[in-house]
Each structure stands twice: as C-alpha cells, then as structure tokens.
Amino acid sequence: MTDVWRFYERHAAEYDRDRGRGLMERAYLAELLNALPDAAHILDLGCGMGEPIARFFIDRGFRLTGVDAAPAMLANCRERFPDAAWVDADMRGLDLKCRFDAIIGWDSFFHLDADEQRAMFSVFARHAQPGCMLLFTSGHEAGISIGNLYGEELFHASLAPDEYRSLLARSGFEVLRYCPQDPECGHHTVWLARGSGLATVERKGP
C-alpha cells in the first residue's frame, strides 16, 4: 500500500511554490468542461492545493468537491476557495454517498500501486452519475517508476493500457480519448471517458 500523501504533507509549501499554473492541461480540461451540464458537480481526487485544476472549474462557476489526504494541502484549498467543499480523506475506498457529473484524478491516481488502482474503478463507478466524465493520468505501460522530488523518492505505477480499457468498460465507462505521452501536455498519458451508468462492478451507496 502506498501513502504518497505523506510526501505531499511534508512538502506542501514547496509543491505549492513550484506547481505550474500555466495549464498545460487546458485542452483536456476544456474538452471535459464542454461535455458538462450547467451547474455540474465535479469530484477532484487528489486535489492538492486546488491550483490550477480545481481553480479552472471553480472560476467557471461549477460546484467542486476536492478530496485529499494531506491536511496541509487542503488548508491552502480552504483558504483560497472557501465556497468549495474540501474533504480530508484517502481516495482509496472513498464513499461520499454522492454522485458527480465529472471525476478527475490528475497526477494523483498514478501514485497508487497496481492493486490500489484496480480497486479505484469501483470508487469511480459508485460516485458517477449516468454520463459522468472521467479524466485521469496514468503511465503509458505497465510498471513502477520511482521519481525523485525534494530529495525524496516518489512512487508512481501504471497498469497496461489494455487493462485500463477493460476496467473502464467493466465500470461502465466508454473511452473517448487516450493520449499516451502527449508532448503538448508535459508528456502526460491522459484518459478521458464517459460513463453509461451500467457498471458491472459492485457499487455502494444510493
């Protein structure tokens, strides 16, 4: 089991200082935004300090619930965006008893190990309204990568693309876009999917 949130708790100030606000993610965020209904409710898993992704949607009038296990990160969110909902929780096993129009796991989902990632697809499904948009980043091939940031090791993992496709289908999501190592987006590997509400995995909650 990975607990990368502890890394972000220790380095919240440095990460807040260094996290780019230039929105290299803009094309994907805009595509998601264009698919959302008015007054959509968005779930941002691993929301960090709320910038730039949560801000992108909050500034456009959408309701946003951010989830992060690092209290120092959430303190920044609450100070900057007091009208949004910020939940101190681990995304693994999350059950908010609420369904959303969009779910985002940008640069957070990929910090989970392989089994934790597999289990997250039931979390996605039980928080998804029919037609829910799902946006997340992964690696481009199966394996583990250990980065280094602020002098510490930082864990990342990925499943194979075919396994992600299978998990998405079983969870009731249709892949709309898969962009491996997008050079226009910092070489991120990005998935964008839409839910049908017809998941074959177990759901909890209302």
N, C-alpha and C. Protein backbone atom coordinates (compact mmCIF):
# COMPACT_ATOMS: atom_id res chain seq x y z
N MET A 1 0.85 -1.19 0.00
CA MET A 1 0.00 0.00 0.00
C MET A 1 0.89 1.24 0.00
N THR A 2 0.56 2.18 -0.85
CA THR A 2 1.33 3.41 -0.93
C THR A 2 0.67 4.51 -0.09
N ASP A 3 1.47 5.36 0.48
CA ASP A 3 0.96 6.50 1.24
C ASP A 3 1.69 7.75 0.78
N VAL A 4 1.59 8.04 -0.52
CA VAL A 4 2.30 9.18 -1.10
C VAL A 4 1.80 10.50 -0.53
N TRP A 5 0.57 10.49 0.01
CA TRP A 5 0.05 11.74 0.59
C TRP A 5 0.97 12.26 1.69
N ARG A 6 1.68 11.37 2.37
CA ARG A 6 2.60 11.81 3.43
C ARG A 6 3.74 12.65 2.84
N PHE A 7 4.18 12.28 1.65
CA PHE A 7 5.19 13.08 0.96
C PHE A 7 4.67 14.50 0.71
N TYR A 8 3.45 14.60 0.21
CA TYR A 8 2.88 15.92 -0.10
C TYR A 8 2.58 16.71 1.17
N GLU A 9 2.28 16.03 2.25
CA GLU A 9 2.10 16.72 3.52
C GLU A 9 3.42 17.36 3.97
N ARG A 10 4.52 16.62 3.83
CA ARG A 10 5.82 17.16 4.23
C ARG A 10 6.27 18.31 3.34
N HIS A 11 5.89 18.26 2.08
CA HIS A 11 6.43 19.21 1.11
C HIS A 11 5.34 20.11 0.52
N ALA A 12 4.29 20.35 1.27
CA ALA A 12 3.17 21.14 0.75
C ALA A 12 3.60 22.53 0.31
N ALA A 13 4.44 23.18 1.10
CA ALA A 13 4.84 24.56 0.76
C ALA A 13 5.68 24.59 -0.51
N GLU A 14 6.63 23.65 -0.62
CA GLU A 14 7.48 23.63 -1.82
C GLU A 14 6.67 23.29 -3.07
N TYR A 15 5.75 22.33 -2.92
CA TYR A 15 4.95 21.94 -4.08
C TYR A 15 4.04 23.08 -4.52
N ASP A 16 3.45 23.77 -3.56
CA ASP A 16 2.61 24.92 -3.88
C ASP A 16 3.41 25.99 -4.62
N ARG A 17 4.63 26.19 -4.20
CA ARG A 17 5.50 27.19 -4.84
C ARG A 17 5.86 26.77 -6.27
N ASP A 18 6.09 25.48 -6.48
CA ASP A 18 6.66 25.02 -7.75
C ASP A 18 5.63 24.52 -8.76
N ARG A 19 4.42 24.20 -8.33
CA ARG A 19 3.44 23.64 -9.25
C ARG A 19 3.07 24.68 -10.30
N GLY A 20 3.26 24.33 -11.55
CA GLY A 20 2.97 25.25 -12.63
C GLY A 20 1.49 25.60 -12.72
N ARG A 21 1.21 26.86 -12.98
CA ARG A 21 -0.17 27.32 -13.15
C ARG A 21 -0.47 27.64 -14.61
N GLY A 22 0.41 27.26 -15.52
CA GLY A 22 0.24 27.62 -16.93
C GLY A 22 -0.81 26.82 -17.67
N LEU A 23 -1.38 25.81 -17.01
CA LEU A 23 -2.47 25.00 -17.58
C LEU A 23 -2.07 24.31 -18.88
N MET A 24 -1.00 23.54 -18.81
CA MET A 24 -0.70 22.66 -19.94
C MET A 24 -1.83 21.65 -20.14
N GLU A 25 -2.66 21.47 -19.10
CA GLU A 25 -3.78 20.54 -19.15
C GLU A 25 -5.00 21.13 -19.83
N ARG A 26 -4.93 22.38 -20.27
CA ARG A 26 -6.12 23.13 -20.68
C ARG A 26 -6.96 22.39 -21.73
N ALA A 27 -6.35 21.78 -22.72
CA ALA A 27 -7.13 21.15 -23.79
C ALA A 27 -8.03 20.04 -23.24
N TYR A 28 -7.50 19.28 -22.29
CA TYR A 28 -8.29 18.19 -21.71
C TYR A 28 -9.37 18.74 -20.78
N LEU A 29 -9.01 19.74 -19.99
CA LEU A 29 -10.00 20.34 -19.10
C LEU A 29 -11.13 20.99 -19.90
N ALA A 30 -10.78 21.64 -21.00
CA ALA A 30 -11.80 22.28 -21.84
C ALA A 30 -12.71 21.24 -22.48
N GLU A 31 -12.14 20.11 -22.91
CA GLU A 31 -12.97 19.06 -23.51
C GLU A 31 -13.94 18.50 -22.48
N LEU A 32 -13.45 18.30 -21.26
CA LEU A 32 -14.32 17.83 -20.19
C LEU A 32 -15.41 18.87 -19.90
N LEU A 33 -15.00 20.12 -19.77
CA LEU A 33 -15.93 21.21 -19.48
C LEU A 33 -17.05 21.27 -20.52
N ASN A 34 -16.69 21.13 -21.79
CA ASN A 34 -17.68 21.25 -22.86
C ASN A 34 -18.71 20.12 -22.84
N ALA A 35 -18.38 19.03 -22.15
CA ALA A 35 -19.32 17.91 -22.05
C ALA A 35 -20.19 17.97 -20.80
N LEU A 36 -19.99 18.97 -19.95
CA LEU A 36 -20.69 19.03 -18.68
C LEU A 36 -22.00 19.81 -18.79
N PRO A 37 -23.01 19.40 -18.02
CA PRO A 37 -24.23 20.20 -17.95
C PRO A 37 -24.01 21.45 -17.11
N ASP A 38 -24.93 22.40 -17.24
CA ASP A 38 -24.89 23.57 -16.38
C ASP A 38 -24.99 23.12 -14.92
N ALA A 39 -24.29 23.83 -14.04
CA ALA A 39 -24.30 23.54 -12.60
C ALA A 39 -23.79 22.15 -12.28
N ALA A 40 -22.88 21.66 -13.11
CA ALA A 40 -22.30 20.33 -12.86
C ALA A 40 -21.54 20.32 -11.54
N HIS A 41 -21.48 19.13 -10.93
CA HIS A 41 -20.76 18.91 -9.69
C HIS A 41 -19.56 18.02 -10.01
N ILE A 42 -18.37 18.49 -9.68
CA ILE A 42 -17.12 17.84 -10.06
C ILE A 42 -16.42 17.31 -8.82
N LEU A 43 -15.89 16.09 -8.91
CA LEU A 43 -15.11 15.48 -7.84
C LEU A 43 -13.65 15.45 -8.28
N ASP A 44 -12.79 16.12 -7.52
CA ASP A 44 -11.36 16.20 -7.82
C ASP A 44 -10.61 15.36 -6.79
N LEU A 45 -10.15 14.18 -7.21
CA LEU A 45 -9.49 13.23 -6.32
C LEU A 45 -7.99 13.51 -6.30
N GLY A 46 -7.45 13.74 -5.11
CA GLY A 46 -6.06 14.17 -5.00
C GLY A 46 -5.93 15.59 -5.48
N CYS A 47 -6.76 16.46 -4.94
CA CYS A 47 -6.88 17.83 -5.44
C CYS A 47 -5.69 18.71 -5.11
N GLY A 48 -4.80 18.24 -4.19
CA GLY A 48 -3.66 19.06 -3.83
C GLY A 48 -4.08 20.38 -3.23
N MET A 49 -3.42 21.45 -3.66
CA MET A 49 -3.71 22.77 -3.09
C MET A 49 -4.75 23.53 -3.91
N GLY A 50 -5.39 22.84 -4.86
CA GLY A 50 -6.51 23.45 -5.58
C GLY A 50 -6.14 24.24 -6.82
N GLU A 51 -4.86 24.29 -7.14
CA GLU A 51 -4.44 25.03 -8.33
C GLU A 51 -3.46 24.19 -9.15
N PRO A 52 -3.65 24.23 -10.47
CA PRO A 52 -4.58 25.07 -11.23
C PRO A 52 -5.91 24.40 -11.57
N ILE A 53 -6.06 23.08 -11.33
CA ILE A 53 -7.20 22.36 -11.90
C ILE A 53 -8.50 22.71 -11.21
N ALA A 54 -8.55 22.63 -9.89
CA ALA A 54 -9.80 22.99 -9.21
C ALA A 54 -10.19 24.43 -9.53
N ARG A 55 -9.21 25.32 -9.52
CA ARG A 55 -9.49 26.72 -9.84
C ARG A 55 -10.12 26.87 -11.22
N PHE A 56 -9.66 26.10 -12.19
CA PHE A 56 -10.18 26.18 -13.55
C PHE A 56 -11.70 26.03 -13.54
N PHE A 57 -12.21 25.08 -12.79
CA PHE A 57 -13.65 24.82 -12.76
C PHE A 57 -14.39 25.75 -11.81
N ILE A 58 -13.79 26.05 -10.66
CA ILE A 58 -14.42 26.97 -9.71
C ILE A 58 -14.61 28.34 -10.34
N ASP A 59 -13.59 28.83 -11.06
CA ASP A 59 -13.68 30.14 -11.69
C ASP A 59 -14.77 30.20 -12.76
N ARG A 60 -15.19 29.04 -13.24
CA ARG A 60 -16.23 29.00 -14.28
C ARG A 60 -17.60 28.67 -13.70
N GLY A 61 -17.70 28.71 -12.39
CA GLY A 61 -18.99 28.60 -11.73
C GLY A 61 -19.47 27.19 -11.43
N PHE A 62 -18.61 26.20 -11.59
CA PHE A 62 -19.03 24.84 -11.29
C PHE A 62 -18.86 24.53 -9.80
N ARG A 63 -19.69 23.65 -9.31
CA ARG A 63 -19.53 23.14 -7.94
C ARG A 63 -18.38 22.13 -7.93
N LEU A 64 -17.57 22.19 -6.91
CA LEU A 64 -16.43 21.28 -6.86
C LEU A 64 -16.26 20.74 -5.45
N THR A 65 -16.03 19.43 -5.38
CA THR A 65 -15.65 18.77 -4.14
C THR A 65 -14.25 18.21 -4.34
N GLY A 66 -13.32 18.66 -3.53
CA GLY A 66 -11.94 18.20 -3.60
C GLY A 66 -11.64 17.24 -2.47
N VAL A 67 -10.93 16.17 -2.79
CA VAL A 67 -10.54 15.16 -1.80
C VAL A 67 -9.03 15.04 -1.79
N ASP A 68 -8.44 15.11 -0.62
CA ASP A 68 -7.00 14.90 -0.48
C ASP A 68 -6.74 14.40 0.93
N ALA A 69 -5.71 13.57 1.06
CA ALA A 69 -5.36 13.02 2.38
C ALA A 69 -4.30 13.86 3.09
N ALA A 70 -3.81 14.91 2.45
CA ALA A 70 -2.76 15.75 3.04
C ALA A 70 -3.40 17.02 3.61
N PRO A 71 -3.53 17.12 4.94
CA PRO A 71 -4.18 18.30 5.53
C PRO A 71 -3.53 19.62 5.15
N ALA A 72 -2.21 19.65 4.98
CA ALA A 72 -1.55 20.90 4.63
C ALA A 72 -1.98 21.38 3.24
N MET A 73 -2.21 20.45 2.33
CA MET A 73 -2.70 20.82 1.01
C MET A 73 -4.12 21.39 1.10
N LEU A 74 -4.97 20.72 1.86
CA LEU A 74 -6.35 21.16 1.98
C LEU A 74 -6.46 22.51 2.67
N ALA A 75 -5.54 22.81 3.57
CA ALA A 75 -5.56 24.13 4.22
C ALA A 75 -5.44 25.24 3.19
N ASN A 76 -4.60 25.05 2.17
CA ASN A 76 -4.49 26.03 1.08
C ASN A 76 -5.80 26.14 0.31
N CYS A 77 -6.42 24.98 0.03
CA CYS A 77 -7.69 24.98 -0.70
C CYS A 77 -8.75 25.78 0.05
N ARG A 78 -8.87 25.52 1.34
CA ARG A 78 -9.93 26.17 2.12
C ARG A 78 -9.70 27.67 2.23
N GLU A 79 -8.44 28.08 2.27
CA GLU A 79 -8.14 29.50 2.33
C GLU A 79 -8.46 30.19 1.00
N ARG A 80 -8.12 29.53 -0.11
CA ARG A 80 -8.27 30.15 -1.43
C ARG A 80 -9.69 30.05 -1.97
N PHE A 81 -10.37 28.94 -1.66
CA PHE A 81 -11.68 28.68 -2.25
C PHE A 81 -12.65 28.25 -1.15
N PRO A 82 -13.03 29.16 -0.28
CA PRO A 82 -13.84 28.77 0.89
C PRO A 82 -15.24 28.30 0.54
N ASP A 83 -15.72 28.58 -0.65
CA ASP A 83 -17.07 28.17 -1.01
C ASP A 83 -17.14 26.77 -1.60
N ALA A 84 -15.99 26.17 -1.92
CA ALA A 84 -15.97 24.80 -2.42
C ALA A 84 -15.96 23.84 -1.22
N ALA A 85 -16.21 22.57 -1.49
CA ALA A 85 -16.20 21.54 -0.45
C ALA A 85 -14.87 20.80 -0.50
N TRP A 86 -14.20 20.74 0.63
CA TRP A 86 -12.89 20.10 0.72
C TRP A 86 -12.94 18.98 1.75
N VAL A 87 -12.59 17.77 1.33
CA VAL A 87 -12.75 16.59 2.17
C VAL A 87 -11.38 15.99 2.46
N ASP A 88 -11.07 15.87 3.74
CA ASP A 88 -9.81 15.25 4.18
C ASP A 88 -10.04 13.74 4.22
N ALA A 89 -9.62 13.06 3.16
CA ALA A 89 -9.87 11.62 3.05
C ALA A 89 -8.91 11.01 2.04
N ASP A 90 -8.71 9.72 2.17
CA ASP A 90 -7.95 8.93 1.22
C ASP A 90 -8.89 8.50 0.10
N MET A 91 -8.48 8.65 -1.14
CA MET A 91 -9.35 8.26 -2.25
C MET A 91 -9.62 6.76 -2.27
N ARG A 92 -8.72 5.97 -1.73
CA ARG A 92 -8.89 4.53 -1.71
C ARG A 92 -10.06 4.16 -0.80
N GLY A 93 -11.06 3.51 -1.36
CA GLY A 93 -12.23 3.13 -0.58
C GLY A 93 -13.20 4.26 -0.31
N LEU A 94 -13.03 5.40 -0.97
CA LEU A 94 -13.87 6.56 -0.73
C LEU A 94 -15.34 6.24 -1.00
N ASP A 95 -16.23 6.73 -0.14
CA ASP A 95 -17.66 6.60 -0.36
C ASP A 95 -18.35 7.83 0.20
N LEU A 96 -18.55 8.84 -0.63
CA LEU A 96 -19.13 10.11 -0.20
C LEU A 96 -20.65 10.11 -0.19
N LYS A 97 -21.26 9.00 -0.60
CA LYS A 97 -22.73 8.92 -0.67
C LYS A 97 -23.29 10.03 -1.57
N CYS A 98 -22.58 10.29 -2.64
CA CYS A 98 -22.96 11.36 -3.57
C CYS A 98 -22.42 10.98 -4.94
N ARG A 99 -23.16 11.38 -5.99
CA ARG A 99 -22.71 11.11 -7.35
C ARG A 99 -22.41 12.43 -8.07
N PHE A 100 -21.48 12.36 -9.00
CA PHE A 100 -20.92 13.56 -9.62
C PHE A 100 -21.06 13.50 -11.14
N ASP A 101 -20.99 14.68 -11.74
CA ASP A 101 -21.04 14.79 -13.20
C ASP A 101 -19.67 14.62 -13.84
N ALA A 102 -18.62 14.77 -13.06
CA ALA A 102 -17.26 14.56 -13.55
C ALA A 102 -16.38 14.16 -12.38
N ILE A 103 -15.40 13.30 -12.68
CA ILE A 103 -14.41 12.85 -11.70
C ILE A 103 -13.04 13.04 -12.33
N ILE A 104 -12.14 13.64 -11.56
CA ILE A 104 -10.79 13.92 -12.04
C ILE A 104 -9.77 13.26 -11.12
N GLY A 105 -8.79 12.59 -11.70
CA GLY A 105 -7.67 12.04 -10.94
C GLY A 105 -6.37 12.39 -11.64
N TRP A 106 -6.10 13.68 -11.73
CA TRP A 106 -4.94 14.17 -12.50
C TRP A 106 -3.69 14.19 -11.61
N ASP A 107 -2.67 13.46 -12.02
CA ASP A 107 -1.40 13.39 -11.28
C ASP A 107 -1.60 12.99 -9.82
N SER A 108 -2.59 12.14 -9.59
CA SER A 108 -2.83 11.62 -8.23
C SER A 108 -3.07 10.12 -8.28
N PHE A 109 -3.98 9.69 -9.14
CA PHE A 109 -4.30 8.27 -9.32
C PHE A 109 -3.04 7.45 -9.58
N PHE A 110 -2.09 8.00 -10.32
CA PHE A 110 -0.90 7.22 -10.69
C PHE A 110 0.10 7.05 -9.55
N HIS A 111 -0.18 7.63 -8.38
CA HIS A 111 0.65 7.37 -7.21
C HIS A 111 0.23 6.12 -6.45
N LEU A 112 -0.88 5.50 -6.85
CA LEU A 112 -1.34 4.26 -6.21
C LEU A 112 -0.65 3.06 -6.85
N ASP A 113 -0.51 1.98 -6.08
CA ASP A 113 0.09 0.79 -6.67
C ASP A 113 -0.94 0.09 -7.56
N ALA A 114 -0.52 -0.97 -8.23
CA ALA A 114 -1.37 -1.59 -9.25
C ALA A 114 -2.69 -2.08 -8.68
N ASP A 115 -2.66 -2.78 -7.56
CA ASP A 115 -3.90 -3.30 -6.98
C ASP A 115 -4.80 -2.17 -6.49
N GLU A 116 -4.20 -1.12 -5.93
CA GLU A 116 -4.99 0.03 -5.50
C GLU A 116 -5.65 0.72 -6.68
N GLN A 117 -4.95 0.81 -7.80
CA GLN A 117 -5.55 1.39 -9.00
C GLN A 117 -6.73 0.55 -9.48
N ARG A 118 -6.56 -0.76 -9.50
CA ARG A 118 -7.66 -1.62 -9.92
C ARG A 118 -8.89 -1.40 -9.04
N ALA A 119 -8.68 -1.29 -7.74
CA ALA A 119 -9.80 -1.10 -6.81
C ALA A 119 -10.47 0.26 -6.99
N MET A 120 -9.75 1.24 -7.54
CA MET A 120 -10.32 2.58 -7.69
C MET A 120 -11.47 2.62 -8.69
N PHE A 121 -11.56 1.65 -9.59
CA PHE A 121 -12.61 1.73 -10.59
C PHE A 121 -13.99 1.51 -9.99
N SER A 122 -14.08 0.79 -8.87
CA SER A 122 -15.35 0.71 -8.17
C SER A 122 -15.66 2.03 -7.45
N VAL A 123 -14.61 2.74 -7.01
CA VAL A 123 -14.80 4.06 -6.41
C VAL A 123 -15.34 5.03 -7.47
N PHE A 124 -14.72 5.00 -8.66
CA PHE A 124 -15.23 5.85 -9.74
C PHE A 124 -16.71 5.54 -10.01
N ALA A 125 -17.03 4.26 -10.14
CA ALA A 125 -18.39 3.87 -10.53
C ALA A 125 -19.42 4.30 -9.50
N ARG A 126 -19.12 4.15 -8.22
CA ARG A 126 -20.15 4.48 -7.24
C ARG A 126 -20.31 5.98 -7.00
N HIS A 127 -19.41 6.79 -7.55
CA HIS A 127 -19.55 8.24 -7.46
C HIS A 127 -20.00 8.87 -8.78
N ALA A 128 -20.34 8.06 -9.76
CA ALA A 128 -20.62 8.57 -11.11
C ALA A 128 -22.11 8.64 -11.40
N GLN A 129 -22.58 9.83 -11.76
CA GLN A 129 -23.90 9.97 -12.36
C GLN A 129 -23.87 9.31 -13.75
N PRO A 130 -25.02 8.87 -14.28
CA PRO A 130 -25.04 8.46 -15.68
C PRO A 130 -24.51 9.60 -16.56
N GLY A 131 -23.61 9.26 -17.45
CA GLY A 131 -22.99 10.26 -18.31
C GLY A 131 -21.81 10.97 -17.68
N CYS A 132 -21.39 10.54 -16.50
CA CYS A 132 -20.26 11.16 -15.81
C CYS A 132 -19.00 11.12 -16.67
N MET A 133 -18.27 12.23 -16.69
CA MET A 133 -16.99 12.29 -17.36
C MET A 133 -15.88 11.91 -16.37
N LEU A 134 -14.91 11.14 -16.83
CA LEU A 134 -13.79 10.70 -16.01
C LEU A 134 -12.50 11.07 -16.72
N LEU A 135 -11.64 11.81 -16.02
CA LEU A 135 -10.36 12.27 -16.57
C LEU A 135 -9.26 11.89 -15.59
N PHE A 136 -8.28 11.11 -16.05
CA PHE A 136 -7.16 10.75 -15.18
C PHE A 136 -5.90 10.55 -15.99
N THR A 137 -4.77 10.59 -15.29
CA THR A 137 -3.47 10.35 -15.91
C THR A 137 -2.91 9.04 -15.37
N SER A 138 -2.14 8.38 -16.22
CA SER A 138 -1.50 7.10 -15.88
C SER A 138 -0.12 7.07 -16.50
N GLY A 139 0.58 5.95 -16.36
CA GLY A 139 1.76 5.71 -17.17
C GLY A 139 1.35 5.17 -18.53
N HIS A 140 2.30 5.08 -19.44
CA HIS A 140 1.98 4.60 -20.78
C HIS A 140 2.15 3.10 -20.94
N GLU A 141 2.71 2.44 -19.93
CA GLU A 141 2.87 0.99 -19.96
C GLU A 141 2.89 0.48 -18.53
N ALA A 142 2.67 -0.82 -18.36
CA ALA A 142 2.62 -1.40 -17.03
C ALA A 142 3.99 -1.34 -16.36
N GLY A 143 4.00 -0.99 -15.09
CA GLY A 143 5.26 -0.97 -14.36
C GLY A 143 5.25 0.05 -13.24
N ILE A 144 6.37 0.12 -12.57
CA ILE A 144 6.58 1.05 -11.46
C ILE A 144 7.71 2.01 -11.83
N SER A 145 7.52 3.27 -11.48
CA SER A 145 8.56 4.28 -11.69
C SER A 145 8.78 5.02 -10.38
N ILE A 146 10.02 5.13 -9.97
CA ILE A 146 10.36 5.86 -8.75
C ILE A 146 11.07 7.15 -9.14
N GLY A 147 10.38 8.25 -8.96
CA GLY A 147 10.97 9.55 -9.24
C GLY A 147 11.70 10.08 -8.02
N ASN A 148 12.23 11.29 -8.15
CA ASN A 148 12.88 11.95 -7.03
C ASN A 148 12.47 13.42 -7.04
N LEU A 149 11.94 13.86 -5.92
CA LEU A 149 11.48 15.24 -5.80
C LEU A 149 11.78 15.71 -4.38
N TYR A 150 12.38 16.88 -4.29
CA TYR A 150 12.76 17.45 -2.99
C TYR A 150 13.62 16.49 -2.17
N GLY A 151 14.46 15.72 -2.89
CA GLY A 151 15.40 14.83 -2.23
C GLY A 151 14.80 13.54 -1.70
N GLU A 152 13.57 13.25 -2.09
CA GLU A 152 12.91 12.02 -1.64
C GLU A 152 12.41 11.23 -2.85
N GLU A 153 12.33 9.90 -2.67
CA GLU A 153 11.75 9.06 -3.69
C GLU A 153 10.24 9.28 -3.75
N LEU A 154 9.70 9.23 -4.98
CA LEU A 154 8.27 9.46 -5.19
C LEU A 154 7.74 8.35 -6.09
N PHE A 155 6.79 7.59 -5.56
CA PHE A 155 6.28 6.38 -6.21
C PHE A 155 5.24 6.71 -7.28
N HIS A 156 5.35 6.03 -8.41
CA HIS A 156 4.33 6.05 -9.46
C HIS A 156 4.17 4.61 -9.97
N ALA A 157 2.98 4.28 -10.43
CA ALA A 157 2.74 2.96 -11.02
C ALA A 157 1.73 3.08 -12.14
N SER A 158 1.72 2.08 -13.00
CA SER A 158 0.75 2.06 -14.09
C SER A 158 0.39 0.63 -14.43
N LEU A 159 -0.84 0.45 -14.87
CA LEU A 159 -1.27 -0.78 -15.50
C LEU A 159 -1.03 -0.67 -17.01
N ALA A 160 -1.22 -1.76 -17.71
CA ALA A 160 -1.13 -1.73 -19.17
C ALA A 160 -2.36 -1.04 -19.74
N PRO A 161 -2.22 -0.35 -20.87
CA PRO A 161 -3.39 0.32 -21.46
C PRO A 161 -4.58 -0.60 -21.67
N ASP A 162 -4.36 -1.83 -22.10
CA ASP A 162 -5.48 -2.75 -22.33
C ASP A 162 -6.20 -3.06 -21.03
N GLU A 163 -5.47 -3.12 -19.92
CA GLU A 163 -6.14 -3.37 -18.65
C GLU A 163 -6.98 -2.18 -18.23
N TYR A 164 -6.46 -0.96 -18.42
CA TYR A 164 -7.29 0.21 -18.14
C TYR A 164 -8.57 0.18 -18.96
N ARG A 165 -8.46 -0.16 -20.23
CA ARG A 165 -9.66 -0.20 -21.08
C ARG A 165 -10.67 -1.21 -20.55
N SER A 166 -10.17 -2.37 -20.12
CA SER A 166 -11.06 -3.40 -19.58
C SER A 166 -11.73 -2.94 -18.29
N LEU A 167 -10.96 -2.32 -17.41
CA LEU A 167 -11.50 -1.85 -16.14
C LEU A 167 -12.53 -0.74 -16.37
N LEU A 168 -12.24 0.15 -17.30
CA LEU A 168 -13.19 1.21 -17.63
C LEU A 168 -14.50 0.61 -18.16
N ALA A 169 -14.40 -0.34 -19.06
CA ALA A 169 -15.60 -0.95 -19.63
C ALA A 169 -16.42 -1.65 -18.55
N ARG A 170 -15.77 -2.40 -17.68
CA ARG A 170 -16.47 -3.11 -16.61
C ARG A 170 -17.12 -2.14 -15.63
N SER A 171 -16.55 -0.94 -15.51
CA SER A 171 -17.07 0.06 -14.59
C SER A 171 -18.09 0.97 -15.24
N GLY A 172 -18.44 0.69 -16.49
CA GLY A 172 -19.48 1.46 -17.16
C GLY A 172 -18.99 2.71 -17.85
N PHE A 173 -17.70 2.76 -18.23
CA PHE A 173 -17.14 3.94 -18.89
C PHE A 173 -16.68 3.60 -20.31
N GLU A 174 -16.98 4.50 -21.21
CA GLU A 174 -16.52 4.40 -22.60
C GLU A 174 -15.35 5.36 -22.79
N VAL A 175 -14.25 4.85 -23.36
CA VAL A 175 -13.08 5.69 -23.59
C VAL A 175 -13.36 6.63 -24.75
N LEU A 176 -13.22 7.92 -24.49
CA LEU A 176 -13.37 8.93 -25.53
C LEU A 176 -12.04 9.37 -26.10
N ARG A 177 -11.03 9.38 -25.25
CA ARG A 177 -9.70 9.80 -25.70
C ARG A 177 -8.64 9.14 -24.85
N TYR A 178 -7.62 8.63 -25.52
CA TYR A 178 -6.44 8.09 -24.85
C TYR A 178 -5.22 8.67 -25.55
N CYS A 179 -4.43 9.43 -24.83
CA CYS A 179 -3.26 10.10 -25.40
C CYS A 179 -2.02 9.71 -24.62
N PRO A 180 -1.25 8.75 -25.12
CA PRO A 180 -0.04 8.36 -24.40
C PRO A 180 1.09 9.37 -24.61
N GLN A 181 1.69 9.79 -23.52
CA GLN A 181 2.87 10.67 -23.53
C GLN A 181 2.66 11.89 -24.43
N ASP A 182 1.60 12.60 -24.19
CA ASP A 182 1.24 13.75 -25.02
C ASP A 182 2.32 14.84 -24.92
N PRO A 183 3.04 15.13 -26.01
CA PRO A 183 4.10 16.13 -25.94
C PRO A 183 3.59 17.54 -25.70
N GLU A 184 2.32 17.79 -25.97
CA GLU A 184 1.73 19.10 -25.72
C GLU A 184 1.28 19.27 -24.27
N CYS A 185 1.41 18.20 -23.50
CA CYS A 185 0.93 18.23 -22.11
C CYS A 185 1.98 17.61 -21.18
N GLY A 186 3.22 18.04 -21.35
CA GLY A 186 4.28 17.57 -20.47
C GLY A 186 4.50 16.08 -20.52
N HIS A 187 4.17 15.44 -21.66
CA HIS A 187 4.31 14.00 -21.85
C HIS A 187 3.46 13.19 -20.88
N HIS A 188 2.36 13.78 -20.44
CA HIS A 188 1.40 13.04 -19.64
C HIS A 188 0.68 12.01 -20.53
N THR A 189 0.30 10.90 -19.92
CA THR A 189 -0.58 9.94 -20.56
C THR A 189 -1.97 10.15 -19.98
N VAL A 190 -2.92 10.48 -20.85
CA VAL A 190 -4.21 11.00 -20.41
C VAL A 190 -5.35 10.12 -20.92
N TRP A 191 -6.30 9.87 -20.02
CA TRP A 191 -7.52 9.14 -20.35
C TRP A 191 -8.72 10.05 -20.10
N LEU A 192 -9.63 10.07 -21.06
CA LEU A 192 -10.91 10.76 -20.89
C LEU A 192 -12.00 9.77 -21.29
N ALA A 193 -12.96 9.55 -20.38
CA ALA A 193 -14.01 8.57 -20.61
C ALA A 193 -15.35 9.14 -20.16
N ARG A 194 -16.42 8.53 -20.65
CA ARG A 194 -17.77 8.92 -20.26
C ARG A 194 -18.51 7.70 -19.72
N GLY A 195 -19.20 7.89 -18.61
CA GLY A 195 -19.93 6.79 -18.00
C GLY A 195 -21.30 6.59 -18.62
N SER A 196 -21.71 5.33 -18.65
CA SER A 196 -23.05 4.99 -19.11
C SER A 196 -24.01 4.73 -17.95
N GLY A 197 -23.41 4.55 -16.74
CA GLY A 197 -24.22 4.17 -15.58
C GLY A 197 -24.53 2.69 -15.54
N LEU A 198 -23.90 1.90 -16.42
CA LEU A 198 -24.17 0.46 -16.50
C LEU A 198 -22.95 -0.34 -16.06
N ALA A 199 -22.44 -0.04 -14.89
CA ALA A 199 -21.25 -0.74 -14.39
C ALA A 199 -21.59 -2.17 -14.06
N THR A 200 -20.59 -3.06 -14.25
CA THR A 200 -20.75 -4.45 -13.86
C THR A 200 -19.96 -4.77 -12.59
N VAL A 201 -19.29 -3.75 -12.02
CA VAL A 201 -18.64 -3.95 -10.74
C VAL A 201 -19.61 -3.57 -9.64
N GLU A 202 -19.33 -4.04 -8.41
CA GLU A 202 -20.21 -3.76 -7.29
C GLU A 202 -20.20 -2.29 -6.95
N ARG A 203 -21.36 -1.74 -6.70
CA ARG A 203 -21.47 -0.35 -6.26
C ARG A 203 -22.00 -0.30 -4.84
N LYS A 204 -21.69 0.79 -4.18
CA LYS A 204 -22.20 1.05 -2.84
C LYS A 204 -22.91 2.39 -2.85
N GLY A 205 -23.67 2.63 -1.80
CA GLY A 205 -24.27 3.95 -1.67
C GLY A 205 -25.59 4.03 -2.42
N PRO A 206 -26.19 5.21 -2.47
CA PRO A 206 -27.50 5.40 -3.09
C PRO A 206 -27.46 5.27 -4.59
